[in-house]
Amino acid sequence: MELLLEGMKLKKNQPIIATFSIVGYDPETGEIGVAVQSKFLGVGSVVPWAKAGVGAVATQAFANPAYGPEGLRLLEEGSCPDEVIQTLISNDEDFSHRQIGVIDAKGNAATFTGEECYDWAGGITGENYAAQGNILVNKETVTHLGDAFETTEGPLADRLIAGLKAAQNAGGDSRGKQSAAIYVVKENGGYGGLSDVFVDLRVDDHPEPIEELERIYQLQQLYFGETNPDDVIKIEGEEESNLRQWLAQLDYLTSPEVSEDEFHKGLTAYLHTENFEAREQDRGYIDMKVYEFMKTHAER
C-alpha cells in the first residue's frame, strides 16, 4: 500500500476532479458499477474502478488513482468498505483533499469526503449504493442522485444513469459539464461471455455529457443486448415488403423484387455489417428492434 501511494502527493495547480458519482450493486444480477459526471476532461479514465464479484470504487476531488486498484485489492482480501477507506486514507498524507465511494459485492457501501474538499462536498449511502460529489451547486445534487437510484427500476446501468440525470437536474457541478462515464462489471457478462466488462462507455468532452452517455448506452443495449422473445416477429406481409424496400435503398438488394434466397442473403449481410449478430434470428424471423433501426437507417 505504501509503495502504491508513494509519489502521489498533491502538486501545485493539479486539476480538481469536481464531480458527482455513484457506486452501485444489483443483488439480483450481481452487477457492480460506477457512473460519474464532471467538469473534467475524460473523467472515465480516472474515477471509476470495478471488479466482478468484488466491488467498485470511485476516486475523485484531488483524486488519487491508486485508490482504485488498491481499494479493489483490499475488498478482495475481505475488508469491508469502511475498512478499505480507513486503510487508504491512513497511508495518504493528502487524504483531506480526497473523496471516495466504495461498495462491495454484498451491497455494503461507504463514502468519504476529506475536510479540505471544496464546497459543496459530501456523500450519502443507501441500500446497495454510495453517492458523493464535490464543488457542487448544492447537497440536493447528491441526495437526488441517491433517490433516483433507489426508485428507478431496471438494470443497474439504467439506475446509475437515472441517478446522474437526477443529480444534474438538482444542481450538478457548479463549474459546469464536460464528461461522463459508466462502468459496470458482471461475471462473464462481457462480449461473447469472454470477459466481465458488461458496460464500459465514456463521453470525454461534450456540452451535454449525460445525455450523450445515455444515447450511446442505448446503442450499446441495441447492439449487444439480448433479444426479448416477445420482440421476434415473422417476416411476412407488410414487414417483408418494407424490409425488401429498405434493403434495396441501402444497396443490399439490387431491387425489392429479388428471390427469397437473395432477400435473406441481403438481410444477413446487413445484420452482419451493422453488428447485429447478437440479435440475428432464424431464417424468416427478425428482432423488432432491428426492424425499427433499419427503418430509421433507410429514412436517413
C-alpha atoms as a PDB file:
ATOM      1  CA  MET A   1       0.000   0.000   0.000  1.00  0.00           C
ATOM      2  CA  GLU A   2       2.705   2.466   0.960  1.00  0.00           C
ATOM      3  CA  LEU A   3       4.604   1.719  -2.254  1.00  0.00           C
ATOM      4  CA  LEU A   4       1.483   2.353  -4.324  1.00  0.00           C
ATOM      5  CA  LEU A   5       0.863   5.728  -2.713  1.00  0.00           C
ATOM      6  CA  GLU A   6       4.465   6.883  -2.829  1.00  0.00           C
ATOM      7  CA  GLY A   7       4.784   9.867  -5.140  1.00  0.00           C
ATOM      8  CA  MET A   8       1.061  10.597  -5.090  1.00  0.00           C
ATOM      9  CA  LYS A   9       1.396  13.874  -3.175  1.00  0.00           C
ATOM     10  CA  LEU A  10      -0.541  16.866  -4.416  1.00  0.00           C
ATOM     11  CA  LYS A  11       1.202  19.034  -6.966  1.00  0.00           C
ATOM     12  CA  LYS A  12       0.747  22.750  -7.404  1.00  0.00           C
ATOM     13  CA  ASN A  13      -2.089  23.540  -9.832  1.00  0.00           C
ATOM     14  CA  GLN A  14      -3.144  19.878 -10.023  1.00  0.00           C
ATOM     15  CA  PRO A  15      -6.603  19.821 -11.664  1.00  0.00           C
ATOM     16  CA  ILE A  16      -9.525  19.005  -9.376  1.00  0.00           C
ATOM     17  CA  ILE A  17     -11.950  16.330 -10.472  1.00  0.00           C
ATOM     18  CA  ALA A  18     -15.021  18.337  -9.465  1.00  0.00           C
ATOM     19  CA  THR A  19     -17.706  15.754  -9.919  1.00  0.00           C
ATOM     20  CA  PHE A  20     -20.584  13.660  -8.691  1.00  0.00           C
ATOM     21  CA  SER A  21     -20.579   9.883  -8.836  1.00  0.00           C
ATOM     22  CA  ILE A  22     -22.397   6.801  -7.634  1.00  0.00           C
ATOM     23  CA  VAL A  23     -21.188   3.271  -6.960  1.00  0.00           C
ATOM     24  CA  GLY A  24     -23.939   0.662  -7.016  1.00  0.00           C
ATOM     25  CA  TYR A  25     -24.727  -3.045  -6.776  1.00  0.00           C
ATOM     26  CA  ASP A  26     -27.626  -5.171  -8.044  1.00  0.00           C
ATOM     27  CA  PRO A  27     -28.175  -8.209  -5.792  1.00  0.00           C
ATOM     28  CA  GLU A  28     -30.397  -9.926  -8.374  1.00  0.00           C
ATOM     29  CA  THR A  29     -27.853  -9.911 -11.209  1.00  0.00           C
ATOM     30  CA  GLY A  30     -24.561  -9.499  -9.336  1.00  0.00           C
ATOM     31  CA  GLU A  31     -23.763  -6.413 -11.419  1.00  0.00           C
ATOM     32  CA  ILE A  32     -21.492  -3.822  -9.799  1.00  0.00           C
ATOM     33  CA  GLY A  33     -20.618  -0.449 -11.239  1.00  0.00           C
ATOM     34  CA  VAL A  34     -19.859   3.244 -11.180  1.00  0.00           C
ATOM     35  CA  ALA A  35     -21.365   6.222 -13.007  1.00  0.00           C
ATOM     36  CA  VAL A  36     -19.843   9.691 -12.949  1.00  0.00           C
ATOM     37  CA  GLN A  37     -20.164  13.195 -14.430  1.00  0.00           C
ATOM     38  CA  SER A  38     -17.642  16.005 -14.138  1.00  0.00           C
ATOM     39  CA  LYS A  39     -16.286  19.321 -15.374  1.00  0.00           C
ATOM     40  CA  PHE A  40     -13.105  17.462 -16.221  1.00  0.00           C
ATOM     41  CA  LEU A  41     -11.760  16.041 -19.476  1.00  0.00           C
ATOM     42  CA  GLY A  42     -12.119  12.262 -19.715  1.00  0.00           C
ATOM     43  CA  VAL A  43     -13.383  11.649 -16.185  1.00  0.00           C
ATOM     44  CA  GLY A  44     -13.904   7.981 -17.058  1.00  0.00           C
ATOM     45  CA  SER A  45     -10.133   7.499 -17.216  1.00  0.00           C
ATOM     46  CA  VAL A  46      -9.673   8.354 -13.530  1.00  0.00           C
ATOM     47  CA  VAL A  47     -12.752   7.938 -11.323  1.00  0.00           C
ATOM     48  CA  PRO A  48     -14.434   4.526 -11.949  1.00  0.00           C
ATOM     49  CA  TRP A  49     -12.957   1.190 -10.877  1.00  0.00           C
ATOM     50  CA  ALA A  50     -14.764  -2.143 -10.514  1.00  0.00           C
ATOM     51  CA  LYS A  51     -14.138  -5.877 -10.416  1.00  0.00           C
ATOM     52  CA  ALA A  52     -16.815  -8.535 -10.837  1.00  0.00           C
ATOM     53  CA  GLY A  53     -17.609 -10.424  -7.656  1.00  0.00           C
ATOM     54  CA  VAL A  54     -15.530  -7.940  -5.645  1.00  0.00           C
ATOM     55  CA  GLY A  55     -16.856  -4.377  -5.699  1.00  0.00           C
ATOM     56  CA  ALA A  56     -16.454  -0.878  -7.091  1.00  0.00           C
ATOM     57  CA  VAL A  57     -14.559   2.296  -6.207  1.00  0.00           C
ATOM     58  CA  ALA A  58     -14.975   5.933  -7.254  1.00  0.00           C
ATOM     59  CA  THR A  59     -11.967   8.159  -6.529  1.00  0.00           C
ATOM     60  CA  GLN A  60     -12.299  11.924  -7.089  1.00  0.00           C
ATOM     61  CA  ALA A  61     -11.731  15.534  -5.879  1.00  0.00           C
ATOM     62  CA  PHE A  62      -7.891  15.744  -5.866  1.00  0.00           C
ATOM     63  CA  ALA A  63      -8.207  12.137  -6.995  1.00  0.00           C
ATOM     64  CA  ASN A  64      -5.678   9.503  -6.051  1.00  0.00           C
ATOM     65  CA  PRO A  65      -5.807   6.913  -8.865  1.00  0.00           C
ATOM     66  CA  ALA A  66      -4.093   4.353  -6.630  1.00  0.00           C
ATOM     67  CA  TYR A  67      -7.262   4.214  -4.535  1.00  0.00           C
ATOM     68  CA  GLY A  68      -8.972   2.301  -7.361  1.00  0.00           C
ATOM     69  CA  PRO A  69      -6.862  -0.850  -7.757  1.00  0.00           C
ATOM     70  CA  GLU A  70      -5.750  -0.835  -4.123  1.00  0.00           C
ATOM     71  CA  GLY A  71      -9.313  -0.492  -2.885  1.00  0.00           C
ATOM     72  CA  LEU A  72     -10.397  -3.429  -5.020  1.00  0.00           C
ATOM     73  CA  ARG A  73      -7.497  -5.494  -3.715  1.00  0.00           C
ATOM     74  CA  LEU A  74      -8.496  -4.771  -0.144  1.00  0.00           C
ATOM     75  CA  LEU A  75     -12.112  -5.703  -0.874  1.00  0.00           C
ATOM     76  CA  GLU A  76     -10.999  -8.946  -2.485  1.00  0.00           C
ATOM     77  CA  GLU A  77      -8.948  -9.776   0.602  1.00  0.00           C
ATOM     78  CA  GLY A  78     -12.018  -9.391   2.791  1.00  0.00           C
ATOM     79  CA  SER A  79     -12.014  -5.798   4.024  1.00  0.00           C
ATOM     80  CA  CYS A  80     -15.406  -4.101   4.263  1.00  0.00           C
ATOM     81  CA  PRO A  81     -15.881  -0.721   2.502  1.00  0.00           C
ATOM     82  CA  ASP A  82     -15.359   1.283   5.714  1.00  0.00           C
ATOM     83  CA  GLU A  83     -12.139  -0.593   6.392  1.00  0.00           C
ATOM     84  CA  VAL A  84     -10.994  -0.043   2.818  1.00  0.00           C
ATOM     85  CA  ILE A  85     -11.428   3.706   3.151  1.00  0.00           C
ATOM     86  CA  GLN A  86      -9.664   3.844   6.503  1.00  0.00           C
ATOM     87  CA  THR A  87      -6.716   1.881   5.131  1.00  0.00           C
ATOM     88  CA  LEU A  88      -6.448   4.052   2.035  1.00  0.00           C
ATOM     89  CA  ILE A  89      -6.562   7.403   3.817  1.00  0.00           C
ATOM     90  CA  SER A  90      -4.290   6.282   6.668  1.00  0.00           C
ATOM     91  CA  ASN A  91      -1.463   5.830   4.155  1.00  0.00           C
ATOM     92  CA  ASP A  92      -2.074   9.081   2.261  1.00  0.00           C
ATOM     93  CA  GLU A  93      -0.906  12.362   3.784  1.00  0.00           C
ATOM     94  CA  ASP A  94      -3.180  14.292   1.417  1.00  0.00           C
ATOM     95  CA  PHE A  95      -6.318  12.346   2.396  1.00  0.00           C
ATOM     96  CA  SER A  96      -8.108  15.536   3.470  1.00  0.00           C
ATOM     97  CA  HIS A  97      -8.270  16.554  -0.213  1.00  0.00           C
ATOM     98  CA  ARG A  98      -9.674  13.213  -1.391  1.00  0.00           C
ATOM     99  CA  GLN A  99     -13.164  11.882  -1.951  1.00  0.00           C
ATOM    100  CA  ILE A 100     -14.061   8.230  -2.388  1.00  0.00           C
ATOM    101  CA  GLY A 101     -17.053   5.910  -2.636  1.00  0.00           C
ATOM    102  CA  VAL A 102     -16.753   2.148  -2.144  1.00  0.00           C
ATOM    103  CA  ILE A 103     -19.194  -0.758  -2.445  1.00  0.00           C
ATOM    104  CA  ASP A 104     -18.627  -4.496  -2.116  1.00  0.00           C
ATOM    105  CA  ALA A 105     -20.283  -7.490  -3.764  1.00  0.00           C
ATOM    106  CA  LYS A 106     -22.778  -7.775  -0.918  1.00  0.00           C
ATOM    107  CA  GLY A 107     -24.099  -4.232  -1.290  1.00  0.00           C
ATOM    108  CA  ASN A 108     -22.243  -2.797   1.720  1.00  0.00           C
ATOM    109  CA  ALA A 109     -21.255   0.790   0.929  1.00  0.00           C
ATOM    110  CA  ALA A 110     -19.198   3.621   2.390  1.00  0.00           C
ATOM    111  CA  THR A 111     -18.238   7.134   1.322  1.00  0.00           C
ATOM    112  CA  PHE A 112     -15.585   9.595   2.486  1.00  0.00           C
ATOM    113  CA  THR A 113     -15.099  13.312   1.881  1.00  0.00           C
ATOM    114  CA  GLY A 114     -11.928  14.990   3.129  1.00  0.00           C
ATOM    115  CA  GLU A 115     -12.366  18.214   5.070  1.00  0.00           C
ATOM    116  CA  GLU A 116     -10.297  20.145   2.518  1.00  0.00           C
ATOM    117  CA  CYS A 117     -12.585  19.257  -0.426  1.00  0.00           C
ATOM    118  CA  TYR A 118     -14.255  22.324  -1.949  1.00  0.00           C
ATOM    119  CA  ASP A 119     -17.902  23.075  -1.125  1.00  0.00           C
ATOM    120  CA  TRP A 120     -20.379  21.804  -1.631  1.00  0.00           C
ATOM    121  CA  ALA A 121     -18.829  18.441  -0.934  1.00  0.00           C
ATOM    122  CA  GLY A 122     -20.207  15.343   0.744  1.00  0.00           C
ATOM    123  CA  GLY A 123     -21.745  11.940   0.269  1.00  0.00           C
ATOM    124  CA  ILE A 124     -24.505   9.584   1.334  1.00  0.00           C
ATOM    125  CA  THR A 125     -25.036   5.841   1.448  1.00  0.00           C
ATOM    126  CA  GLY A 126     -28.187   3.812   0.956  1.00  0.00           C
ATOM    127  CA  GLU A 127     -29.257   0.298   0.126  1.00  0.00           C
ATOM    128  CA  ASN A 128     -26.697  -1.024  -2.374  1.00  0.00           C
ATOM    129  CA  TYR A 129     -25.112   2.343  -3.205  1.00  0.00           C
ATOM    130  CA  ALA A 130     -22.905   5.246  -2.173  1.00  0.00           C
ATOM    131  CA  ALA A 131     -23.217   8.683  -3.814  1.00  0.00           C
ATOM    132  CA  GLN A 132     -20.756  11.549  -3.467  1.00  0.00           C
ATOM    133  CA  GLY A 133     -19.731  14.834  -5.062  1.00  0.00           C
ATOM    134  CA  ASN A 134     -17.585  17.930  -4.679  1.00  0.00           C
ATOM    135  CA  ILE A 135     -17.745  21.537  -5.902  1.00  0.00           C
ATOM    136  CA  LEU A 136     -21.476  21.045  -6.351  1.00  0.00           C
ATOM    137  CA  VAL A 137     -24.245  23.612  -6.547  1.00  0.00           C
ATOM    138  CA  ASN A 138     -25.964  22.065  -3.539  1.00  0.00           C
ATOM    139  CA  LYS A 139     -26.405  18.998  -1.328  1.00  0.00           C
ATOM    140  CA  GLU A 140     -29.506  18.029  -3.303  1.00  0.00           C
ATOM    141  CA  THR A 141     -27.269  17.046  -6.195  1.00  0.00           C
ATOM    142  CA  VAL A 142     -26.132  14.063  -4.133  1.00  0.00           C
ATOM    143  CA  THR A 143     -29.408  13.286  -2.375  1.00  0.00           C
ATOM    144  CA  HIS A 144     -31.333  13.287  -5.662  1.00  0.00           C
ATOM    145  CA  LEU A 145     -28.630  11.079  -7.146  1.00  0.00           C
ATOM    146  CA  GLY A 146     -29.321   8.504  -4.446  1.00  0.00           C
ATOM    147  CA  ASP A 147     -33.105   8.904  -4.556  1.00  0.00           C
ATOM    148  CA  ALA A 148     -33.227   8.245  -8.303  1.00  0.00           C
ATOM    149  CA  PHE A 149     -31.082   5.142  -7.927  1.00  0.00           C
ATOM    150  CA  GLU A 150     -33.424   3.816  -5.238  1.00  0.00           C
ATOM    151  CA  THR A 151     -36.659   4.466  -7.138  1.00  0.00           C
ATOM    152  CA  THR A 152     -35.674   3.597 -10.721  1.00  0.00           C
ATOM    153  CA  GLU A 153     -36.455   0.095 -11.950  1.00  0.00           C
ATOM    154  CA  GLY A 154     -34.475  -1.944 -14.455  1.00  0.00           C
ATOM    155  CA  PRO A 155     -30.847  -2.984 -14.951  1.00  0.00           C
ATOM    156  CA  LEU A 156     -28.104  -1.461 -12.807  1.00  0.00           C
ATOM    157  CA  ALA A 157     -26.796   0.708 -15.656  1.00  0.00           C
ATOM    158  CA  ASP A 158     -30.241   2.252 -16.163  1.00  0.00           C
ATOM    159  CA  ARG A 159     -30.452   3.086 -12.468  1.00  0.00           C
ATOM    160  CA  LEU A 160     -26.948   4.585 -12.386  1.00  0.00           C
ATOM    161  CA  ILE A 161     -27.657   6.805 -15.388  1.00  0.00           C
ATOM    162  CA  ALA A 162     -31.016   7.828 -13.916  1.00  0.00           C
ATOM    163  CA  GLY A 163     -29.088   8.921 -10.842  1.00  0.00           C
ATOM    164  CA  LEU A 164     -26.739  11.093 -12.882  1.00  0.00           C
ATOM    165  CA  LYS A 165     -29.661  12.755 -14.672  1.00  0.00           C
ATOM    166  CA  ALA A 166     -31.462  13.499 -11.402  1.00  0.00           C
ATOM    167  CA  ALA A 167     -28.282  14.886  -9.865  1.00  0.00           C
ATOM    168  CA  GLN A 168     -27.710  17.224 -12.798  1.00  0.00           C
ATOM    169  CA  ASN A 169     -31.313  18.410 -12.700  1.00  0.00           C
ATOM    170  CA  ALA A 170     -30.967  19.123  -8.978  1.00  0.00           C
ATOM    171  CA  GLY A 171     -27.959  21.383  -9.464  1.00  0.00           C
ATOM    172  CA  GLY A 172     -24.912  19.439 -10.560  1.00  0.00           C
ATOM    173  CA  ASP A 173     -21.295  20.509 -10.715  1.00  0.00           C
ATOM    174  CA  SER A 174     -21.008  24.238 -10.012  1.00  0.00           C
ATOM    175  CA  ARG A 175     -18.253  24.544 -12.635  1.00  0.00           C
ATOM    176  CA  GLY A 176     -20.380  23.087 -15.413  1.00  0.00           C
ATOM    177  CA  LYS A 177     -20.456  19.919 -17.527  1.00  0.00           C
ATOM    178  CA  GLN A 178     -17.860  18.219 -19.695  1.00  0.00           C
ATOM    179  CA  SER A 179     -17.555  14.449 -19.400  1.00  0.00           C
ATOM    180  CA  ALA A 180     -19.361  11.374 -18.089  1.00  0.00           C
ATOM    181  CA  ALA A 181     -18.795   7.650 -17.873  1.00  0.00           C
ATOM    182  CA  ILE A 182     -20.372   4.389 -16.783  1.00  0.00           C
ATOM    183  CA  TYR A 183     -18.515   1.188 -15.931  1.00  0.00           C
ATOM    184  CA  VAL A 184     -20.438  -1.953 -14.942  1.00  0.00           C
ATOM    185  CA  VAL A 185     -18.993  -5.430 -14.424  1.00  0.00           C
ATOM    186  CA  LYS A 186     -20.636  -8.831 -14.167  1.00  0.00           C
ATOM    187  CA  GLU A 187     -19.052 -12.272 -14.150  1.00  0.00           C
ATOM    188  CA  ASN A 188     -18.920 -13.484 -17.779  1.00  0.00           C
ATOM    189  CA  GLY A 189     -21.146 -10.551 -18.745  1.00  0.00           C
ATOM    190  CA  GLY A 190     -18.825  -9.113 -21.389  1.00  0.00           C
ATOM    191  CA  TYR A 191     -18.770  -9.571 -25.143  1.00  0.00           C
ATOM    192  CA  GLY A 192     -19.355 -13.216 -26.000  1.00  0.00           C
ATOM    193  CA  GLY A 193     -19.225 -14.107 -22.317  1.00  0.00           C
ATOM    194  CA  LEU A 194     -15.439 -13.858 -22.553  1.00  0.00           C
ATOM    195  CA  SER A 195     -14.878 -11.028 -20.060  1.00  0.00           C
ATOM    196  CA  ASP A 196     -16.530  -9.439 -17.040  1.00  0.00           C
ATOM    197  CA  VAL A 197     -16.847  -5.944 -18.570  1.00  0.00           C
ATOM    198  CA  PHE A 198     -20.612  -5.589 -19.019  1.00  0.00           C
ATOM    199  CA  VAL A 199     -20.894  -1.844 -19.815  1.00  0.00           C
ATOM    200  CA  ASP A 200     -17.891   0.402 -20.397  1.00  0.00           C
ATOM    201  CA  LEU A 201     -18.813   3.727 -22.015  1.00  0.00           C
ATOM    202  CA  ARG A 202     -17.208   7.166 -21.871  1.00  0.00           C
ATOM    203  CA  VAL A 203     -18.065  10.639 -23.089  1.00  0.00           C
ATOM    204  CA  ASP A 204     -14.792  12.527 -22.753  1.00  0.00           C
ATOM    205  CA  ASP A 205     -15.795  16.023 -23.929  1.00  0.00           C
ATOM    206  CA  HIS A 206     -19.361  17.075 -24.737  1.00  0.00           C
ATOM    207  CA  PRO A 207     -21.669  20.004 -23.899  1.00  0.00           C
ATOM    208  CA  GLU A 208     -24.320  17.543 -22.621  1.00  0.00           C
ATOM    209  CA  PRO A 209     -22.276  14.561 -21.417  1.00  0.00           C
ATOM    210  CA  ILE A 210     -25.018  12.742 -19.510  1.00  0.00           C
ATOM    211  CA  GLU A 211     -27.461  12.880 -22.418  1.00  0.00           C
ATOM    212  CA  GLU A 212     -24.731  11.679 -24.760  1.00  0.00           C
ATOM    213  CA  LEU A 213     -23.805   8.898 -22.349  1.00  0.00           C
ATOM    214  CA  GLU A 214     -27.418   7.751 -22.252  1.00  0.00           C
ATOM    215  CA  ARG A 215     -27.594   7.849 -26.062  1.00  0.00           C
ATOM    216  CA  ILE A 216     -24.573   5.612 -26.568  1.00  0.00           C
ATOM    217  CA  TYR A 217     -25.734   3.348 -23.742  1.00  0.00           C
ATOM    218  CA  GLN A 218     -28.995   2.787 -25.608  1.00  0.00           C
ATOM    219  CA  LEU A 219     -26.959   1.958 -28.708  1.00  0.00           C
ATOM    220  CA  GLN A 220     -24.879  -0.481 -26.680  1.00  0.00           C
ATOM    221  CA  GLN A 221     -28.043  -2.162 -25.486  1.00  0.00           C
ATOM    222  CA  LEU A 222     -29.372  -2.300 -29.046  1.00  0.00           C
ATOM    223  CA  TYR A 223     -26.237  -3.898 -30.451  1.00  0.00           C
ATOM    224  CA  PHE A 224     -25.279  -6.196 -27.613  1.00  0.00           C
ATOM    225  CA  GLY A 225     -28.418  -6.665 -25.523  1.00  0.00           C
ATOM    226  CA  GLU A 226     -30.352  -9.915 -25.585  1.00  0.00           C
ATOM    227  CA  THR A 227     -33.455 -10.225 -27.753  1.00  0.00           C
ATOM    228  CA  ASN A 228     -36.741 -10.329 -25.896  1.00  0.00           C
ATOM    229  CA  PRO A 229     -38.707 -13.303 -27.285  1.00  0.00           C
ATOM    230  CA  ASP A 230     -41.777 -11.052 -27.464  1.00  0.00           C
ATOM    231  CA  ASP A 231     -39.891  -8.820 -29.939  1.00  0.00           C
ATOM    232  CA  VAL A 232     -39.355 -11.582 -32.515  1.00  0.00           C
ATOM    233  CA  ILE A 233     -41.726 -11.376 -35.486  1.00  0.00           C
ATOM    234  CA  LYS A 234     -42.190 -13.476 -38.613  1.00  0.00           C
ATOM    235  CA  ILE A 235     -41.052 -11.817 -41.827  1.00  0.00           C
ATOM    236  CA  GLU A 236     -44.178 -11.726 -43.963  1.00  0.00           C
ATOM    237  CA  GLY A 237     -46.708  -9.323 -45.451  1.00  0.00           C
ATOM    238  CA  GLU A 238     -46.078  -5.625 -44.857  1.00  0.00           C
ATOM    239  CA  GLU A 239     -42.951  -6.280 -42.807  1.00  0.00           C
ATOM    240  CA  GLU A 240     -41.327  -8.259 -45.615  1.00  0.00           C
ATOM    241  CA  SER A 241     -42.324  -5.633 -48.166  1.00  0.00           C
ATOM    242  CA  ASN A 242     -40.756  -2.910 -46.037  1.00  0.00           C
ATOM    243  CA  LEU A 243     -37.575  -4.885 -45.442  1.00  0.00           C
ATOM    244  CA  ARG A 244     -37.148  -5.502 -49.158  1.00  0.00           C
ATOM    245  CA  GLN A 245     -37.641  -1.799 -49.891  1.00  0.00           C
ATOM    246  CA  TRP A 246     -35.207  -0.685 -47.178  1.00  0.00           C
ATOM    247  CA  LEU A 247     -32.531  -3.215 -48.154  1.00  0.00           C
ATOM    248  CA  ALA A 248     -32.765  -2.044 -51.754  1.00  0.00           C
ATOM    249  CA  GLN A 249     -32.463   1.600 -50.642  1.00  0.00           C
ATOM    250  CA  LEU A 250     -29.364   0.678 -48.620  1.00  0.00           C
ATOM    251  CA  ASP A 251     -27.836  -1.224 -51.576  1.00  0.00           C
ATOM    252  CA  TYR A 252     -28.076  -4.677 -50.023  1.00  0.00           C
ATOM    253  CA  LEU A 253     -30.512  -5.796 -52.772  1.00  0.00           C
ATOM    254  CA  THR A 254     -30.433  -4.991 -56.472  1.00  0.00           C
ATOM    255  CA  SER A 255     -34.210  -4.450 -56.279  1.00  0.00           C
ATOM    256  CA  PRO A 256     -37.080  -5.175 -53.871  1.00  0.00           C
ATOM    257  CA  GLU A 257     -38.283  -7.995 -56.169  1.00  0.00           C
ATOM    258  CA  VAL A 258     -35.276 -10.342 -55.822  1.00  0.00           C
ATOM    259  CA  SER A 259     -35.730 -14.026 -54.994  1.00  0.00           C
ATOM    260  CA  GLU A 260     -36.316 -15.304 -51.483  1.00  0.00           C
ATOM    261  CA  ASP A 261     -32.724 -16.552 -51.221  1.00  0.00           C
ATOM    262  CA  GLU A 262     -31.312 -13.229 -52.419  1.00  0.00           C
ATOM    263  CA  PHE A 263     -33.541 -11.368 -49.974  1.00  0.00           C
ATOM    264  CA  HIS A 264     -32.304 -13.383 -46.984  1.00  0.00           C
ATOM    265  CA  LYS A 265     -28.717 -13.146 -48.191  1.00  0.00           C
ATOM    266  CA  GLY A 266     -29.036  -9.359 -48.312  1.00  0.00           C
ATOM    267  CA  LEU A 267     -30.685  -9.235 -44.895  1.00  0.00           C
ATOM    268  CA  THR A 268     -27.887 -11.332 -43.391  1.00  0.00           C
ATOM    269  CA  ALA A 269     -25.265  -9.078 -44.959  1.00  0.00           C
ATOM    270  CA  TYR A 270     -26.986  -6.035 -43.456  1.00  0.00           C
ATOM    271  CA  LEU A 271     -27.174  -7.607 -39.985  1.00  0.00           C
ATOM    272  CA  HIS A 272     -23.502  -8.519 -40.023  1.00  0.00           C
ATOM    273  CA  THR A 273     -22.391  -5.167 -41.421  1.00  0.00           C
ATOM    274  CA  GLU A 274     -24.300  -3.334 -38.690  1.00  0.00           C
ATOM    275  CA  ASN A 275     -23.005  -5.659 -35.923  1.00  0.00           C
ATOM    276  CA  PHE A 276     -26.381  -7.182 -35.160  1.00  0.00           C
ATOM    277  CA  GLU A 277     -25.118 -10.767 -34.879  1.00  0.00           C
ATOM    278  CA  ALA A 278     -26.350 -10.923 -31.273  1.00  0.00           C
ATOM    279  CA  ARG A 279     -29.909 -10.152 -32.450  1.00  0.00           C
ATOM    280  CA  GLU A 280     -29.882 -12.326 -35.561  1.00  0.00           C
ATOM    281  CA  GLN A 281     -32.810 -14.761 -35.677  1.00  0.00           C
ATOM    282  CA  ASP A 282     -33.604 -17.954 -37.561  1.00  0.00           C
ATOM    283  CA  ARG A 283     -34.363 -17.511 -41.247  1.00  0.00           C
ATOM    284  CA  GLY A 284     -37.788 -15.977 -41.712  1.00  0.00           C
ATOM    285  CA  TYR A 285     -37.791 -14.045 -38.424  1.00  0.00           C
ATOM    286  CA  ILE A 286     -36.433 -10.698 -37.226  1.00  0.00           C
ATOM    287  CA  ASP A 287     -35.999  -8.800 -33.964  1.00  0.00           C
ATOM    288  CA  MET A 288     -38.367  -5.803 -33.924  1.00  0.00           C
ATOM    289  CA  LYS A 289     -35.620  -3.581 -32.501  1.00  0.00           C
ATOM    290  CA  VAL A 290     -33.524  -4.331 -35.577  1.00  0.00           C
ATOM    291  CA  TYR A 291     -36.555  -3.753 -37.786  1.00  0.00           C
ATOM    292  CA  GLU A 292     -37.119  -0.301 -36.266  1.00  0.00           C
ATOM    293  CA  PHE A 293     -33.425   0.551 -36.575  1.00  0.00           C
ATOM    294  CA  MET A 294     -33.493  -0.428 -40.252  1.00  0.00           C
ATOM    295  CA  LYS A 295     -36.494   1.821 -40.793  1.00  0.00           C
ATOM    296  CA  THR A 296     -34.677   4.802 -39.292  1.00  0.00           C
ATOM    297  CA  HIS A 297     -31.484   3.920 -41.179  1.00  0.00           C
ATOM    298  CA  ALA A 298     -33.308   3.771 -44.509  1.00  0.00           C
ATOM    299  CA  GLU A 299     -35.207   7.011 -43.844  1.00  0.00           C
ATOM    300  CA  ARG A 300     -31.925   8.821 -43.193  1.00  0.00           C
END
